[in-house]
C-alpha atoms as a PDB file:
ATOM      1  CA  MET A   1     -66.142 -30.339 122.539  1.00  0.00           C
ATOM      2  CA  ARG A   2     -69.385 -28.534 121.805  1.00  0.00           C
ATOM      3  CA  GLN A   3     -70.469 -28.510 118.185  1.00  0.00           C
ATOM      4  CA  ALA A   4     -72.742 -25.885 116.627  1.00  0.00           C
ATOM      5  CA  TRP A   5     -74.570 -26.307 113.328  1.00  0.00           C
ATOM      6  CA  LEU A   6     -74.934 -23.814 110.531  1.00  0.00           C
ATOM      7  CA  SER A   7     -76.991 -24.263 107.382  1.00  0.00           C
ATOM      8  CA  ILE A   8     -76.459 -22.449 104.116  1.00  0.00           C
ATOM      9  CA  VAL A   9     -79.550 -22.238 101.923  1.00  0.00           C
ATOM     10  CA  ALA A  10     -79.044 -21.868  98.165  1.00  0.00           C
ATOM     11  CA  LEU A  11     -82.493 -21.198  96.708  1.00  0.00           C
ATOM     12  CA  ALA A  12     -83.038 -21.228  92.965  1.00  0.00           C
ATOM     13  CA  ALA A  13     -86.602 -20.483  92.025  1.00  0.00           C
ATOM     14  CA  ALA A  14     -87.732 -20.668  88.497  1.00  0.00           C
ATOM     15  CA  GLY A  15     -86.948 -17.189  87.388  1.00  0.00           C
ATOM     16  CA  VAL A  16     -85.412 -16.322  90.769  1.00  0.00           C
ATOM     17  CA  LEU A  17     -81.763 -17.179  90.295  1.00  0.00           C
ATOM     18  CA  PRO A  18     -81.404 -15.354  86.948  1.00  0.00           C
ATOM     19  CA  ALA A  19     -82.896 -12.253  88.555  1.00  0.00           C
ATOM     20  CA  ALA A  20     -80.459 -12.410  91.465  1.00  0.00           C
ATOM     21  CA  GLN A  21     -77.553 -12.698  89.066  1.00  0.00           C
ATOM     22  CA  ALA A  22     -78.944  -9.829  87.052  1.00  0.00           C
ATOM     23  CA  ALA A  23     -79.001  -7.614  90.113  1.00  0.00           C
ATOM     24  CA  ALA A  24     -75.346  -8.414  90.741  1.00  0.00           C
ATOM     25  CA  GLN A  25     -74.159  -7.978  87.176  1.00  0.00           C
ATOM     26  CA  GLY A  26     -76.741  -5.637  85.681  1.00  0.00           C
ATOM     27  CA  VAL A  27     -77.802  -8.202  83.071  1.00  0.00           C
ATOM     28  CA  ALA A  28     -80.198 -11.134  82.833  1.00  0.00           C
ATOM     29  CA  PRO A  29     -78.401 -14.239  81.537  1.00  0.00           C
ATOM     30  CA  PRO A  30     -80.582 -16.335  79.210  1.00  0.00           C
ATOM     31  CA  ALA A  31     -81.782 -19.774  80.294  1.00  0.00           C
ATOM     32  CA  PRO A  32     -82.743 -22.667  77.995  1.00  0.00           C
ATOM     33  CA  ALA A  33     -86.447 -22.625  77.167  1.00  0.00           C
ATOM     34  CA  ALA A  34     -87.105 -26.337  77.605  1.00  0.00           C
ATOM     35  CA  ALA A  35     -84.548 -27.251  80.267  1.00  0.00           C
ATOM     36  CA  PRO A  36     -85.740 -28.159  83.776  1.00  0.00           C
ATOM     37  CA  THR A  37     -84.866 -25.783  86.582  1.00  0.00           C
ATOM     38  CA  THR A  38     -81.546 -26.861  88.132  1.00  0.00           C
ATOM     39  CA  VAL A  39     -80.141 -25.834  91.532  1.00  0.00           C
ATOM     40  CA  ASN A  40     -76.904 -27.798  91.204  1.00  0.00           C
ATOM     41  CA  ALA A  41     -75.526 -30.953  89.626  1.00  0.00           C
ATOM     42  CA  PHE A  42     -77.731 -33.433  91.486  1.00  0.00           C
ATOM     43  CA  LEU A  43     -81.283 -32.111  91.905  1.00  0.00           C
ATOM     44  CA  ASN A  44     -83.714 -31.206  89.096  1.00  0.00           C
ATOM     45  CA  ILE A  45     -87.370 -30.167  89.080  1.00  0.00           C
ATOM     46  CA  THR A  46     -89.813 -29.961  86.195  1.00  0.00           C
ATOM     47  CA  PRO A  47     -92.055 -28.266  85.046  1.00  0.00           C
ATOM     48  CA  LYS A  48     -90.945 -24.724  85.752  1.00  0.00           C
ATOM     49  CA  ARG A  49     -94.431 -23.610  86.915  1.00  0.00           C
ATOM     50  CA  LEU A  50     -97.931 -24.935  87.618  1.00  0.00           C
ATOM     51  CA  THR A  51    -101.167 -23.130  86.759  1.00  0.00           C
ATOM     52  CA  PHE A  52    -104.675 -24.086  87.934  1.00  0.00           C
ATOM     53  CA  ASP A  53    -108.074 -22.747  86.882  1.00  0.00           C
ATOM     54  CA  ARG A  54    -111.685 -23.882  86.519  1.00  0.00           C
ATOM     55  CA  GLN A  55    -110.713 -26.546  83.979  1.00  0.00           C
ATOM     56  CA  ARG A  56    -107.398 -27.735  85.400  1.00  0.00           C
ATOM     57  CA  ARG A  57    -107.404 -28.909  89.011  1.00  0.00           C
ATOM     58  CA  ASN A  58    -104.561 -31.452  89.134  1.00  0.00           C
ATOM     59  CA  GLY A  59    -100.861 -31.146  88.409  1.00  0.00           C
ATOM     60  CA  THR A  60     -97.690 -33.217  88.638  1.00  0.00           C
ATOM     61  CA  VAL A  61     -94.143 -32.209  89.515  1.00  0.00           C
ATOM     62  CA  PHE A  62     -91.176 -34.490  88.842  1.00  0.00           C
ATOM     63  CA  LEU A  63     -88.050 -34.474  91.009  1.00  0.00           C
ATOM     64  CA  LEU A  64     -84.821 -36.154  89.911  1.00  0.00           C
ATOM     65  CA  ASN A  65     -81.697 -36.796  91.963  1.00  0.00           C
ATOM     66  CA  GLN A  66     -78.792 -36.980  89.522  1.00  0.00           C
ATOM     67  CA  GLY A  67     -76.194 -37.510  92.232  1.00  0.00           C
ATOM     68  CA  ALA A  68     -74.686 -40.749  93.478  1.00  0.00           C
ATOM     69  CA  ASP A  69     -76.236 -40.742  96.967  1.00  0.00           C
ATOM     70  CA  PRO A  70     -79.817 -40.670  98.267  1.00  0.00           C
ATOM     71  CA  VAL A  71     -81.035 -37.279  99.464  1.00  0.00           C
ATOM     72  CA  THR A  72     -83.999 -36.418 101.703  1.00  0.00           C
ATOM     73  CA  VAL A  73     -86.086 -33.382 100.758  1.00  0.00           C
ATOM     74  CA  ASP A  74     -88.927 -31.430 102.351  1.00  0.00           C
ATOM     75  CA  ILE A  75     -91.690 -30.172 100.038  1.00  0.00           C
ATOM     76  CA  THR A  76     -93.566 -27.076 101.219  1.00  0.00           C
ATOM     77  CA  LEU A  77     -95.592 -24.145  99.943  1.00  0.00           C
ATOM     78  CA  VAL A  78     -93.967 -20.764 100.585  1.00  0.00           C
ATOM     79  CA  ASP A  79     -95.368 -17.321  99.782  1.00  0.00           C
ATOM     80  CA  ARG A  80     -92.864 -15.288  97.754  1.00  0.00           C
ATOM     81  CA  VAL A  81     -93.136 -11.916  96.018  1.00  0.00           C
ATOM     82  CA  MET A  82     -91.413 -10.357  93.030  1.00  0.00           C
ATOM     83  CA  LEU A  83     -89.754  -6.958  93.340  1.00  0.00           C
ATOM     84  CA  PRO A  84     -89.402  -4.404  90.502  1.00  0.00           C
ATOM     85  CA  ASP A  85     -85.826  -5.529  89.783  1.00  0.00           C
ATOM     86  CA  GLY A  86     -87.075  -9.084  89.135  1.00  0.00           C
ATOM     87  CA  GLN A  87     -85.734 -10.646  92.327  1.00  0.00           C
ATOM     88  CA  ILE A  88     -88.051 -12.891  94.342  1.00  0.00           C
ATOM     89  CA  PHE A  89     -88.064 -13.015  98.157  1.00  0.00           C
ATOM     90  CA  ALA A  90     -90.065 -14.823 100.808  1.00  0.00           C
ATOM     91  CA  VAL A  91     -92.868 -12.462 101.767  1.00  0.00           C
ATOM     92  CA  GLU A  92     -91.500 -12.049 105.316  1.00  0.00           C
ATOM     93  CA  ASP A  93     -88.120 -10.947 103.962  1.00  0.00           C
ATOM     94  CA  ALA A  94     -89.595  -8.732 101.254  1.00  0.00           C
ATOM     95  CA  ALA A  95     -91.779  -6.895 103.793  1.00  0.00           C
ATOM     96  CA  LYS A  96     -88.614  -5.718 105.578  1.00  0.00           C
ATOM     97  CA  ARG A  97     -87.347  -3.959 102.442  1.00  0.00           C
ATOM     98  CA  PRO A  98     -88.584  -0.489 101.412  1.00  0.00           C
ATOM     99  CA  ASP A  99     -89.213  -1.734  97.855  1.00  0.00           C
ATOM    100  CA  GLY A 100     -90.901  -4.912  99.069  1.00  0.00           C
ATOM    101  CA  GLN A 101     -93.611  -3.617 101.381  1.00  0.00           C
ATOM    102  CA  GLY A 102     -96.019  -2.708  98.580  1.00  0.00           C
ATOM    103  CA  PRO A 103     -95.654  -6.003  96.685  1.00  0.00           C
ATOM    104  CA  SER A 104     -95.985  -7.995  99.913  1.00  0.00           C
ATOM    105  CA  ALA A 105     -99.306  -6.311 100.684  1.00  0.00           C
ATOM    106  CA  GLN A 106    -100.600  -7.063  97.176  1.00  0.00           C
ATOM    107  CA  LEU A 107     -99.855 -10.806  97.163  1.00  0.00           C
ATOM    108  CA  LYS A 108    -102.816 -13.215  97.180  1.00  0.00           C
ATOM    109  CA  SER A 109    -101.625 -16.482  98.700  1.00  0.00           C
ATOM    110  CA  ALA A 110    -102.569 -19.872  97.241  1.00  0.00           C
ATOM    111  CA  LYS A 111    -101.369 -21.887 100.263  1.00  0.00           C
ATOM    112  CA  ASP A 112    -104.911 -22.609 101.467  1.00  0.00           C
ATOM    113  CA  LEU A 113    -106.177 -23.468  97.971  1.00  0.00           C
ATOM    114  CA  VAL A 114    -103.845 -26.314  96.943  1.00  0.00           C
ATOM    115  CA  GLN A 115    -102.737 -29.616  98.471  1.00  0.00           C
ATOM    116  CA  VAL A 116     -99.312 -31.213  97.947  1.00  0.00           C
ATOM    117  CA  SER A 117     -98.339 -34.864  98.436  1.00  0.00           C
ATOM    118  CA  PRO A 118     -95.911 -36.169  99.592  1.00  0.00           C
ATOM    119  CA  ARG A 119     -94.399 -33.549 101.907  1.00  0.00           C
ATOM    120  CA  ARG A 120     -91.117 -35.380 102.577  1.00  0.00           C
ATOM    121  CA  VAL A 121     -89.396 -37.992 100.429  1.00  0.00           C
ATOM    122  CA  VAL A 122     -86.051 -39.716  99.960  1.00  0.00           C
ATOM    123  CA  LEU A 123     -84.837 -39.248  96.388  1.00  0.00           C
ATOM    124  CA  GLN A 124     -82.887 -42.253  95.166  1.00  0.00           C
ATOM    125  CA  PRO A 125     -80.181 -41.610  92.547  1.00  0.00           C
ATOM    126  CA  GLY A 126     -81.511 -41.656  88.994  1.00  0.00           C
ATOM    127  CA  ARG A 127     -85.109 -42.498  90.000  1.00  0.00           C
ATOM    128  CA  PRO A 128     -87.747 -39.800  89.289  1.00  0.00           C
ATOM    129  CA  GLN A 129     -90.109 -38.931  92.127  1.00  0.00           C
ATOM    130  CA  THR A 130     -93.653 -37.739  91.436  1.00  0.00           C
ATOM    131  CA  VAL A 131     -95.211 -34.974  93.534  1.00  0.00           C
ATOM    132  CA  ARG A 132     -98.960 -34.496  93.215  1.00  0.00           C
ATOM    133  CA  VAL A 133    -100.459 -31.016  93.450  1.00  0.00           C
ATOM    134  CA  ARG A 134    -104.247 -30.667  93.615  1.00  0.00           C
ATOM    135  CA  LEU A 135    -106.501 -27.622  93.599  1.00  0.00           C
ATOM    136  CA  ALA A 136    -108.635 -28.172  96.707  1.00  0.00           C
ATOM    137  CA  SER A 137    -110.832 -25.080  96.422  1.00  0.00           C
ATOM    138  CA  LEU A 138    -111.417 -22.259  93.958  1.00  0.00           C
ATOM    139  CA  PRO A 139    -112.566 -18.828  95.173  1.00  0.00           C
ATOM    140  CA  GLU A 140    -115.849 -17.913  93.526  1.00  0.00           C
ATOM    141  CA  GLY A 141    -116.172 -14.607  91.726  1.00  0.00           C
ATOM    142  CA  ALA A 142    -112.559 -13.623  92.416  1.00  0.00           C
ATOM    143  CA  ASP A 143    -110.399 -11.778  89.911  1.00  0.00           C
ATOM    144  CA  GLY A 144    -106.680 -11.856  89.366  1.00  0.00           C
ATOM    145  CA  GLU A 145    -104.423 -14.591  90.660  1.00  0.00           C
ATOM    146  CA  HIS A 146    -103.443 -16.419  93.824  1.00  0.00           C
ATOM    147  CA  ARG A 147     -99.856 -17.692  94.025  1.00  0.00           C
ATOM    148  CA  SER A 148     -97.486 -19.572  96.290  1.00  0.00           C
ATOM    149  CA  HIS A 149     -94.213 -21.324  95.490  1.00  0.00           C
ATOM    150  CA  LEU A 150     -93.677 -25.066  95.725  1.00  0.00           C
ATOM    151  CA  THR A 151     -90.301 -25.259  97.470  1.00  0.00           C
ATOM    152  CA  VAL A 152     -88.130 -28.376  97.640  1.00  0.00           C
ATOM    153  CA  THR A 153     -85.371 -28.207 100.276  1.00  0.00           C
ATOM    154  CA  THR A 154     -82.683 -30.804 100.935  1.00  0.00           C
ATOM    155  CA  LEU A 155     -82.104 -32.033 104.494  1.00  0.00           C
ATOM    156  CA  PRO A 156     -78.664 -32.889 105.957  1.00  0.00           C
ATOM    157  CA  PRO A 157     -78.031 -36.642 106.311  1.00  0.00           C
ATOM    158  CA  ARG A 158     -78.616 -38.117 109.779  1.00  0.00           C
ATOM    159  CA  GLU A 159     -74.985 -39.199 110.090  1.00  0.00           C
ATOM    160  CA  ALA A 160     -73.611 -35.682 109.437  1.00  0.00           C
ATOM    161  CA  GLY A 161     -71.315 -34.391 112.168  1.00  0.00           C
ATOM    162  CA  ALA A 162     -69.903 -35.876 115.350  1.00  0.00           C
ATOM    163  CA  THR A 163     -72.010 -37.930 117.733  1.00  0.00           C
ATOM    164  CA  ALA A 164     -72.485 -36.960 121.383  1.00  0.00           C
ATOM    165  CA  GLU A 165     -70.200 -39.875 122.394  1.00  0.00           C
ATOM    166  CA  ALA A 166     -67.435 -38.752 120.037  1.00  0.00           C
ATOM    167  CA  ALA A 167     -67.709 -35.169 121.271  1.00  0.00           C
ATOM    168  CA  ALA A 168     -67.505 -36.276 124.922  1.00  0.00           C
ATOM    169  CA  ALA A 169     -64.445 -38.451 124.245  1.00  0.00           C
ATOM    170  CA  ASN A 170     -62.555 -35.632 122.531  1.00  0.00           C
ATOM    171  CA  PRO A 171     -59.720 -34.416 124.779  1.00  0.00           C
ATOM    172  CA  ALA A 172     -60.198 -30.801 123.641  1.00  0.00           C
ATOM    173  CA  GLY A 173     -63.545 -30.613 125.400  1.00  0.00           C
ATOM    174  CA  ASN A 174     -63.360 -26.887 126.037  1.00  0.00           C
ATOM    175  CA  GLN A 175     -63.327 -25.966 122.352  1.00  0.00           C
ATOM    176  CA  LEU A 176     -66.259 -24.867 120.227  1.00  0.00           C
ATOM    177  CA  SER A 177     -66.260 -26.053 116.624  1.00  0.00           C
ATOM    178  CA  PHE A 178     -68.622 -25.427 113.740  1.00  0.00           C
ATOM    179  CA  GLN A 179     -69.704 -27.669 110.919  1.00  0.00           C
ATOM    180  CA  ILE A 180     -71.288 -25.988 107.899  1.00  0.00           C
ATOM    181  CA  THR A 181     -73.848 -28.077 106.045  1.00  0.00           C
ATOM    182  CA  ALA A 182     -75.132 -26.844 102.688  1.00  0.00           C
ATOM    183  CA  VAL A 183     -78.921 -26.965 102.276  1.00  0.00           C
ATOM    184  CA  TYR A 184     -80.164 -26.569  98.710  1.00  0.00           C
ATOM    185  CA  GLY A 185     -83.607 -25.551  97.542  1.00  0.00           C
ATOM    186  CA  LEU A 186     -85.670 -25.378  94.371  1.00  0.00           C
ATOM    187  CA  SER A 187     -88.819 -23.321  93.973  1.00  0.00           C
ATOM    188  CA  ILE A 188     -91.471 -23.042  91.248  1.00  0.00           C
ATOM    189  CA  PRO A 189     -94.631 -20.875  91.241  1.00  0.00           C
ATOM    190  CA  VAL A 190     -98.035 -22.475  91.747  1.00  0.00           C
ATOM    191  CA  ILE A 191    -100.672 -20.141  90.284  1.00  0.00           C
ATOM    192  CA  VAL A 192    -104.446 -20.296  90.805  1.00  0.00           C
ATOM    193  CA  ARG A 193    -106.646 -18.308  88.407  1.00  0.00           C
ATOM    194  CA  PRO A 194    -110.268 -18.276  89.599  1.00  0.00           C
ATOM    195  CA  GLY A 195    -111.550 -15.977  86.848  1.00  0.00           C
ATOM    196  CA  ASP A 196    -110.862 -15.173  83.224  1.00  0.00           C
ATOM    197  CA  VAL A 197    -107.247 -14.762  82.135  1.00  0.00           C
ATOM    198  CA  ASP A 198    -106.230 -11.317  80.881  1.00  0.00           C
ATOM    199  CA  VAL A 199    -102.613 -11.393  79.684  1.00  0.00           C
ATOM    200  CA  ARG A 200    -101.252  -8.149  78.216  1.00  0.00           C
ATOM    201  CA  ALA A 201     -97.800  -6.584  78.139  1.00  0.00           C
ATOM    202  CA  THR A 202     -95.821  -3.710  76.672  1.00  0.00           C
ATOM    203  CA  ILE A 203     -92.109  -2.922  76.377  1.00  0.00           C
ATOM    204  CA  GLU A 204     -91.053   0.573  77.432  1.00  0.00           C
ATOM    205  CA  GLY A 205     -87.820   2.529  77.221  1.00  0.00           C
ATOM    206  CA  ALA A 206     -85.726   0.075  75.214  1.00  0.00           C
ATOM    207  CA  HIS A 207     -82.148   1.261  74.726  1.00  0.00           C
ATOM    208  CA  VAL A 208     -78.581  -0.059  74.634  1.00  0.00           C
ATOM    209  CA  GLU A 209     -76.214   0.267  77.586  1.00  0.00           C
ATOM    210  CA  TYR A 210     -72.575  -0.756  78.062  1.00  0.00           C
ATOM    211  CA  PRO A 211     -72.133  -1.855  81.700  1.00  0.00           C
ATOM    212  CA  GLN A 212     -68.915  -3.419  82.960  1.00  0.00           C
ATOM    213  CA  VAL A 213     -69.625  -7.170  83.066  1.00  0.00           C
ATOM    214  CA  SER A 214     -67.426 -10.206  83.733  1.00  0.00           C
ATOM    215  CA  ALA A 215     -68.228 -12.959  81.253  1.00  0.00           C
ATOM    216  CA  ASP A 216     -67.800 -15.770  83.793  1.00  0.00           C
ATOM    217  CA  GLY A 217     -67.519 -14.006  87.153  1.00  0.00           C
ATOM    218  CA  ARG A 218     -63.755 -14.569  87.269  1.00  0.00           C
ATOM    219  CA  THR A 219     -62.294 -12.640  84.354  1.00  0.00           C
ATOM    220  CA  PRO A 220     -61.979  -8.836  84.609  1.00  0.00           C
ATOM    221  CA  PRO A 221     -65.163  -6.910  83.731  1.00  0.00           C
ATOM    222  CA  ARG A 222     -65.356  -5.257  80.331  1.00  0.00           C
ATOM    223  CA  PRO A 223     -67.927  -3.058  78.556  1.00  0.00           C
ATOM    224  CA  THR A 224     -70.731  -5.334  77.345  1.00  0.00           C
ATOM    225  CA  PRO A 225     -73.627  -4.306  75.077  1.00  0.00           C
ATOM    226  CA  VAL A 226     -76.925  -4.813  76.886  1.00  0.00           C
ATOM    227  CA  VAL A 227     -80.489  -4.006  75.817  1.00  0.00           C
ATOM    228  CA  ALA A 228     -82.295  -2.470  78.814  1.00  0.00           C
ATOM    229  CA  PHE A 229     -86.033  -1.837  79.131  1.00  0.00           C
ATOM    230  CA  ASP A 230     -89.086  -2.278  81.362  1.00  0.00           C
ATOM    231  CA  LEU A 231     -91.594  -5.077  80.828  1.00  0.00           C
ATOM    232  CA  VAL A 232     -95.001  -3.657  81.803  1.00  0.00           C
ATOM    233  CA  ARG A 233     -97.947  -5.888  82.742  1.00  0.00           C
ATOM    234  CA  GLY A 234    -101.253  -4.635  81.319  1.00  0.00           C
ATOM    235  CA  GLY A 235    -103.999  -6.927  82.652  1.00  0.00           C
ATOM    236  CA  PRO A 236    -104.648  -8.431  86.100  1.00  0.00           C
ATOM    237  CA  SER A 237    -102.989 -11.735  85.153  1.00  0.00           C
ATOM    238  CA  SER A 238     -99.264 -12.386  85.365  1.00  0.00           C
ATOM    239  CA  VAL A 239     -97.267 -12.470  82.145  1.00  0.00           C
ATOM    240  CA  TYR A 240     -94.573 -15.033  81.416  1.00  0.00           C
ATOM    241  CA  GLY A 241     -92.578 -15.589  78.272  1.00  0.00           C
ATOM    242  CA  ASN A 242     -89.381 -15.310  76.257  1.00  0.00           C
ATOM    243  CA  PHE A 243     -87.461 -12.400  74.751  1.00  0.00           C
ATOM    244  CA  GLU A 244     -85.467 -12.139  71.546  1.00  0.00           C
ATOM    245  CA  VAL A 245     -83.451  -9.160  70.303  1.00  0.00           C
ATOM    246  CA  ARG A 246     -82.918  -9.062  66.531  1.00  0.00           C
ATOM    247  CA  VAL A 247     -81.776  -6.685  63.819  1.00  0.00           C
ATOM    248  CA  ALA A 248     -84.856  -5.274  62.092  1.00  0.00           C
ATOM    249  CA  GLY A 249     -85.258  -6.635  58.562  1.00  0.00           C
ATOM    250  CA  GLU A 250     -82.576  -9.321  58.940  1.00  0.00           C
ATOM    251  CA  ARG A 251     -82.631 -12.459  56.801  1.00  0.00           C
ATOM    252  CA  LYS A 252     -84.921 -15.287  57.882  1.00  0.00           C
ATOM    253  CA  GLY A 253     -83.242 -17.844  60.112  1.00  0.00           C
ATOM    254  CA  ALA A 254     -80.560 -15.486  61.421  1.00  0.00           C
ATOM    255  CA  GLU A 255     -79.521 -15.949  65.046  1.00  0.00           C
ATOM    256  CA  PRO A 256     -80.833 -13.322  67.489  1.00  0.00           C
ATOM    257  CA  LEU A 257     -78.384 -10.856  68.994  1.00  0.00           C
ATOM    258  CA  GLY A 258     -79.709 -11.689  72.450  1.00  0.00           C
ATOM    259  CA  ALA A 259     -82.338 -13.773  74.231  1.00  0.00           C
ATOM    260  CA  ALA A 260     -83.814 -14.323  77.681  1.00  0.00           C
ATOM    261  CA  ARG A 261     -86.127 -17.209  78.562  1.00  0.00           C
ATOM    262  CA  GLY A 262     -88.711 -17.532  81.304  1.00  0.00           C
ATOM    263  CA  VAL A 263     -89.171 -13.857  82.199  1.00  0.00           C
ATOM    264  CA  GLY A 264     -92.340 -12.907  84.066  1.00  0.00           C
ATOM    265  CA  VAL A 265     -94.157 -10.099  85.843  1.00  0.00           C
ATOM    266  CA  TYR A 266     -96.376 -11.179  88.729  1.00  0.00           C
ATOM    267  CA  PRO A 267     -99.551  -9.286  89.762  1.00  0.00           C
ATOM    268  CA  GLU A 268     -97.984  -7.661  92.839  1.00  0.00           C
ATOM    269  CA  ILE A 269     -95.882  -5.397  90.597  1.00  0.00           C
ATOM    270  CA  ALA A 270     -96.847  -3.460  87.479  1.00  0.00           C
ATOM    271  CA  ARG A 271     -93.433  -3.569  85.798  1.00  0.00           C
ATOM    272  CA  ARG A 272     -89.962  -4.984  86.128  1.00  0.00           C
ATOM    273  CA  ALA A 273     -86.568  -4.101  84.736  1.00  0.00           C
ATOM    274  CA  VAL A 274     -85.062  -6.454  82.147  1.00  0.00           C
ATOM    275  CA  ARG A 275     -81.460  -6.526  80.905  1.00  0.00           C
ATOM    276  CA  ILE A 276     -80.435  -8.751  77.965  1.00  0.00           C
ATOM    277  CA  PRO A 277     -76.758  -9.048  76.960  1.00  0.00           C
ATOM    278  CA  LEU A 278     -76.001  -8.963  73.229  1.00  0.00           C
ATOM    279  CA  SER A 279     -73.547 -11.107  71.294  1.00  0.00           C
ATOM    280  CA  ARG A 280     -72.113  -7.979  69.661  1.00  0.00           C
ATOM    281  CA  ALA A 281     -72.486  -4.221  69.754  1.00  0.00           C
ATOM    282  CA  PRO A 282     -75.066  -2.796  67.305  1.00  0.00           C
ATOM    283  CA  ALA A 283     -73.578  -1.179  64.215  1.00  0.00           C
ATOM    284  CA  ALA A 284     -74.081   2.521  63.535  1.00  0.00           C
ATOM    285  CA  GLY A 285     -77.583   3.132  62.179  1.00  0.00           C
ATOM    286  CA  GLU A 286     -78.723  -0.451  62.904  1.00  0.00           C
ATOM    287  CA  LYS A 287     -82.356  -0.768  64.033  1.00  0.00           C
ATOM    288  CA  LEU A 288     -83.136  -3.368  66.696  1.00  0.00           C
ATOM    289  CA  GLU A 289     -86.385  -5.134  67.604  1.00  0.00           C
ATOM    290  CA  VAL A 290     -87.266  -6.684  70.965  1.00  0.00           C
ATOM    291  CA  THR A 291     -90.019  -9.318  70.860  1.00  0.00           C
ATOM    292  CA  PHE A 292     -91.774 -10.860  73.869  1.00  0.00           C
ATOM    293  CA  THR A 293     -93.664 -14.115  73.174  1.00  0.00           C
ATOM    294  CA  ASP A 294     -96.021 -15.884  75.565  1.00  0.00           C
ATOM    295  CA  ASP A 295     -94.900 -19.146  77.213  1.00  0.00           C
ATOM    296  CA  ASP A 296     -97.959 -19.570  79.438  1.00  0.00           C
ATOM    297  CA  THR A 297    -101.565 -19.346  78.265  1.00  0.00           C
ATOM    298  CA  SER A 298    -100.904 -19.065  74.494  1.00  0.00           C
ATOM    299  CA  PRO A 299     -97.345 -20.305  73.832  1.00  0.00           C
ATOM    300  CA  GLY A 300     -95.750 -18.551  70.868  1.00  0.00           C
ATOM    301  CA  LYS A 301     -98.172 -15.635  70.771  1.00  0.00           C
ATOM    302  CA  VAL A 302     -96.432 -12.253  70.471  1.00  0.00           C
ATOM    303  CA  LEU A 303     -97.406 -10.203  73.532  1.00  0.00           C
ATOM    304  CA  ALA A 304     -95.205  -7.164  72.939  1.00  0.00           C
ATOM    305  CA  LYS A 305     -92.720  -5.765  70.426  1.00  0.00           C
ATOM    306  CA  ALA A 306     -90.595  -2.641  70.387  1.00  0.00           C
ATOM    307  CA  ALA A 307     -88.204  -1.234  67.783  1.00  0.00           C
ATOM    308  CA  PHE A 308     -85.496   1.313  68.483  1.00  0.00           C
END
């Protein structure tokens, strides 16, 4: 019996998976602001991004295996680009898409600027693993940003599948069988800012739509109120922050109608589409406000606001 191997990669980058879901459903589901990025039930990574500049040259990433069995992971730097719909692709894959050729050409890689250690590790259940990231060199006189993505990928266990002896002893030796092994990955951006930071943003074209959306992916779709708009980056630096949609003039302490955490626009694109589902449809004559607050260089600072 000959045995062929297939691997399925499930990549969840910080800010990547919500965008992919948004493309499928037309909305951007909110994520908890302080929660670590999670690919599945057993592997966590925190923080959700690393930023280096003239003052900060060292960073730490923590990996946690919450499963019951040890898992081996590879740790690499991969260049990825953001497309105008918010999805993030490896630069090689993005360059094959009509909407990804421009962003791919604009990306400034940080792979040669940072060092990562270790590059492969066995994660024991319940025991955090530290990954060190160091800025090795800083381009002089450069503007804008350099970026790559720290990517953690699980490896199949050594004992997975049949051995050569077991395959040879199988009486059905003329059959071809396949074993599918799931390979999971996590990815967070590593950003290098050689010059001054210039973070600016505006919100354009905010309006309410009613796309057909399934609440859980299983129940039948139904019309769902969604605030749709473009987040526009103003300066050369990337923007990253959180959105809230509220009723204008509402009482203090009231819950927002909608929220989206960890939304960014990287330098290779000027704007990206954002869709935020609302907890209820706006009433007739109700005025809404969308607020975008920084969660990067000046956490809590209002970067953009729009009323409609």
